[in-house]
Amino acid sequence: MTDKQKIPFEDAVKELEKAVKIMESGDLGLDQLLEQYERGIHLLRCCEAKLAEAEGKIEVLTQKEIKTECIEKAEVQDGSMPEETEEIPLPEEPLTDENTLF
């Protein structure tokens, strides 16, 4: 498990907000400000990674749900899953210009 995975998303957001408030206070020296900025960047990357992971999971679940719905609709429409396509019989009389559209 990487360091980005260890901190819960909500905690990372709270710490990031805290770091921003500290930096905006104007009470820090340059070195302390840079430390807070670095910590903020780290927390931001943690949040982005967790959001990307959640988005990927949602996408997978959505695709599974769409497939399931399509299968269920196909089963409801004809009572079973289509296994083979139905053959269309050929006309008994030969095709000529008189009995075709074109």
C-alpha atoms as a PDB file:
ATOM      1  CA  MET A   1       0.000   0.000   0.000  1.00  0.00           C
ATOM      2  CA  THR A   2       1.432   3.346  -1.046  1.00  0.00           C
ATOM      3  CA  ASP A   3       1.464   6.440   1.131  1.00  0.00           C
ATOM      4  CA  LYS A   4      -1.299   7.925  -1.055  1.00  0.00           C
ATOM      5  CA  GLN A   5      -3.575   5.027  -0.120  1.00  0.00           C
ATOM      6  CA  LYS A   6      -3.002   5.200   3.660  1.00  0.00           C
ATOM      7  CA  ILE A   7      -4.885   8.395   4.492  1.00  0.00           C
ATOM      8  CA  PRO A   8      -8.671   8.385   4.049  1.00  0.00           C
ATOM      9  CA  PHE A   9      -9.963  10.839   1.449  1.00  0.00           C
ATOM     10  CA  GLU A  10     -11.974  12.883   3.939  1.00  0.00           C
ATOM     11  CA  ASP A  11      -8.962  13.240   6.265  1.00  0.00           C
ATOM     12  CA  ALA A  12      -6.762  14.319   3.358  1.00  0.00           C
ATOM     13  CA  VAL A  13      -9.284  17.006   2.393  1.00  0.00           C
ATOM     14  CA  LYS A  14      -9.450  18.288   5.982  1.00  0.00           C
ATOM     15  CA  GLU A  15      -5.644  18.411   6.253  1.00  0.00           C
ATOM     16  CA  LEU A  16      -5.422  20.175   2.895  1.00  0.00           C
ATOM     17  CA  GLU A  17      -7.942  22.798   4.020  1.00  0.00           C
ATOM     18  CA  LYS A  18      -5.968  23.262   7.244  1.00  0.00           C
ATOM     19  CA  ALA A  19      -2.713  23.721   5.315  1.00  0.00           C
ATOM     20  CA  VAL A  20      -4.350  26.334   3.089  1.00  0.00           C
ATOM     21  CA  LYS A  21      -5.619  28.290   6.114  1.00  0.00           C
ATOM     22  CA  ILE A  22      -2.167  28.207   7.708  1.00  0.00           C
ATOM     23  CA  MET A  23      -0.536  29.459   4.502  1.00  0.00           C
ATOM     24  CA  GLU A  24      -3.149  32.186   4.054  1.00  0.00           C
ATOM     25  CA  SER A  25      -2.665  33.416   7.627  1.00  0.00           C
ATOM     26  CA  GLY A  26       0.587  35.138   6.697  1.00  0.00           C
ATOM     27  CA  ASP A  27       2.230  34.056   9.966  1.00  0.00           C
ATOM     28  CA  LEU A  28       4.740  31.657   8.383  1.00  0.00           C
ATOM     29  CA  GLY A  29       8.285  32.246   7.310  1.00  0.00           C
ATOM     30  CA  LEU A  30       9.389  31.230   3.835  1.00  0.00           C
ATOM     31  CA  ASP A  31      10.722  27.803   4.886  1.00  0.00           C
ATOM     32  CA  GLN A  32       7.556  26.966   6.834  1.00  0.00           C
ATOM     33  CA  LEU A  33       5.421  28.215   3.980  1.00  0.00           C
ATOM     34  CA  LEU A  34       7.267  25.962   1.532  1.00  0.00           C
ATOM     35  CA  GLU A  35       6.832  22.980   3.887  1.00  0.00           C
ATOM     36  CA  GLN A  36       3.089  23.603   4.079  1.00  0.00           C
ATOM     37  CA  TYR A  37       2.909  24.043   0.311  1.00  0.00           C
ATOM     38  CA  GLU A  38       4.763  20.762  -0.231  1.00  0.00           C
ATOM     39  CA  ARG A  39       2.416  19.001   2.211  1.00  0.00           C
ATOM     40  CA  GLY A  40      -0.562  20.535   0.419  1.00  0.00           C
ATOM     41  CA  ILE A  41       0.650  19.263  -2.958  1.00  0.00           C
ATOM     42  CA  HIS A  42       1.114  15.778  -1.472  1.00  0.00           C
ATOM     43  CA  LEU A  43      -2.412  15.835  -0.014  1.00  0.00           C
ATOM     44  CA  LEU A  44      -3.854  17.126  -3.281  1.00  0.00           C
ATOM     45  CA  ARG A  45      -2.241  14.239  -5.179  1.00  0.00           C
ATOM     46  CA  CYS A  46      -3.649  11.791  -2.601  1.00  0.00           C
ATOM     47  CA  CYS A  47      -7.126  13.195  -3.150  1.00  0.00           C
ATOM     48  CA  GLU A  48      -6.780  13.120  -6.938  1.00  0.00           C
ATOM     49  CA  ALA A  49      -5.589   9.489  -6.838  1.00  0.00           C
ATOM     50  CA  LYS A  50      -8.498   8.442  -4.636  1.00  0.00           C
ATOM     51  CA  LEU A  51     -10.999  10.280  -6.839  1.00  0.00           C
ATOM     52  CA  ALA A  52      -9.560   8.656  -9.978  1.00  0.00           C
ATOM     53  CA  GLU A  53      -9.788   5.237  -8.317  1.00  0.00           C
ATOM     54  CA  ALA A  54     -13.409   5.875  -7.317  1.00  0.00           C
ATOM     55  CA  GLU A  55     -14.235   7.101 -10.819  1.00  0.00           C
ATOM     56  CA  GLY A  56     -12.762   3.923 -12.310  1.00  0.00           C
ATOM     57  CA  LYS A  57     -14.824   1.745  -9.977  1.00  0.00           C
ATOM     58  CA  ILE A  58     -17.977   3.684 -10.839  1.00  0.00           C
ATOM     59  CA  GLU A  59     -17.275   3.257 -14.552  1.00  0.00           C
ATOM     60  CA  VAL A  60     -16.829  -0.523 -14.149  1.00  0.00           C
ATOM     61  CA  LEU A  61     -20.021  -0.820 -12.105  1.00  0.00           C
ATOM     62  CA  THR A  62     -21.962   1.299 -14.592  1.00  0.00           C
ATOM     63  CA  GLN A  63     -20.816  -0.820 -17.533  1.00  0.00           C
ATOM     64  CA  LYS A  64     -21.779  -4.018 -15.694  1.00  0.00           C
ATOM     65  CA  GLU A  65     -25.210  -2.553 -14.933  1.00  0.00           C
ATOM     66  CA  ILE A  66     -25.736  -1.542 -18.575  1.00  0.00           C
ATOM     67  CA  LYS A  67     -24.827  -5.055 -19.772  1.00  0.00           C
ATOM     68  CA  THR A  68     -27.146  -6.637 -17.212  1.00  0.00           C
ATOM     69  CA  GLU A  69     -30.030  -4.367 -18.244  1.00  0.00           C
ATOM     70  CA  CYS A  70     -29.505  -5.181 -21.940  1.00  0.00           C
ATOM     71  CA  ILE A  71     -29.490  -8.918 -21.251  1.00  0.00           C
ATOM     72  CA  GLU A  72     -32.607  -8.661 -19.084  1.00  0.00           C
ATOM     73  CA  LYS A  73     -34.444  -6.638 -21.743  1.00  0.00           C
ATOM     74  CA  ALA A  74     -33.553  -9.192 -24.431  1.00  0.00           C
ATOM     75  CA  GLU A  75     -34.804 -12.037 -22.235  1.00  0.00           C
ATOM     76  CA  VAL A  76     -38.068 -10.230 -21.437  1.00  0.00           C
ATOM     77  CA  GLN A  77     -38.815  -9.395 -25.068  1.00  0.00           C
ATOM     78  CA  ASP A  78     -38.757 -12.961 -26.391  1.00  0.00           C
ATOM     79  CA  GLY A  79     -38.592 -15.064 -23.251  1.00  0.00           C
ATOM     80  CA  SER A  80     -35.111 -16.419 -23.901  1.00  0.00           C
ATOM     81  CA  MET A  81     -31.688 -15.394 -25.031  1.00  0.00           C
ATOM     82  CA  PRO A  82     -31.321 -15.396 -28.819  1.00  0.00           C
ATOM     83  CA  GLU A  83     -28.983 -18.192 -29.822  1.00  0.00           C
ATOM     84  CA  GLU A  84     -29.263 -18.132 -33.603  1.00  0.00           C
ATOM     85  CA  THR A  85     -30.621 -15.671 -36.103  1.00  0.00           C
ATOM     86  CA  GLU A  86     -33.832 -16.628 -37.832  1.00  0.00           C
ATOM     87  CA  GLU A  87     -33.448 -17.558 -41.494  1.00  0.00           C
ATOM     88  CA  ILE A  88     -35.551 -15.668 -43.997  1.00  0.00           C
ATOM     89  CA  PRO A  89     -36.898 -17.921 -46.768  1.00  0.00           C
ATOM     90  CA  LEU A  90     -36.014 -17.013 -50.344  1.00  0.00           C
ATOM     91  CA  PRO A  91     -38.846 -16.211 -52.745  1.00  0.00           C
ATOM     92  CA  GLU A  92     -40.020 -19.175 -54.822  1.00  0.00           C
ATOM     93  CA  GLU A  93     -40.275 -17.261 -58.088  1.00  0.00           C
ATOM     94  CA  PRO A  94     -37.099 -15.890 -59.704  1.00  0.00           C
ATOM     95  CA  LEU A  95     -36.398 -12.197 -59.246  1.00  0.00           C
ATOM     96  CA  THR A  96     -37.008 -10.027 -62.297  1.00  0.00           C
ATOM     97  CA  ASP A  97     -37.271  -6.311 -62.943  1.00  0.00           C
ATOM     98  CA  GLU A  98     -41.036  -6.584 -62.664  1.00  0.00           C
ATOM     99  CA  ASN A  99     -41.162  -8.052 -59.129  1.00  0.00           C
ATOM    100  CA  THR A 100     -38.323  -6.100 -57.458  1.00  0.00           C
ATOM    101  CA  LEU A 101     -38.073  -2.556 -56.208  1.00  0.00           C
ATOM    102  CA  PHE A 102     -35.107  -1.494 -58.308  1.00  0.00           C
END
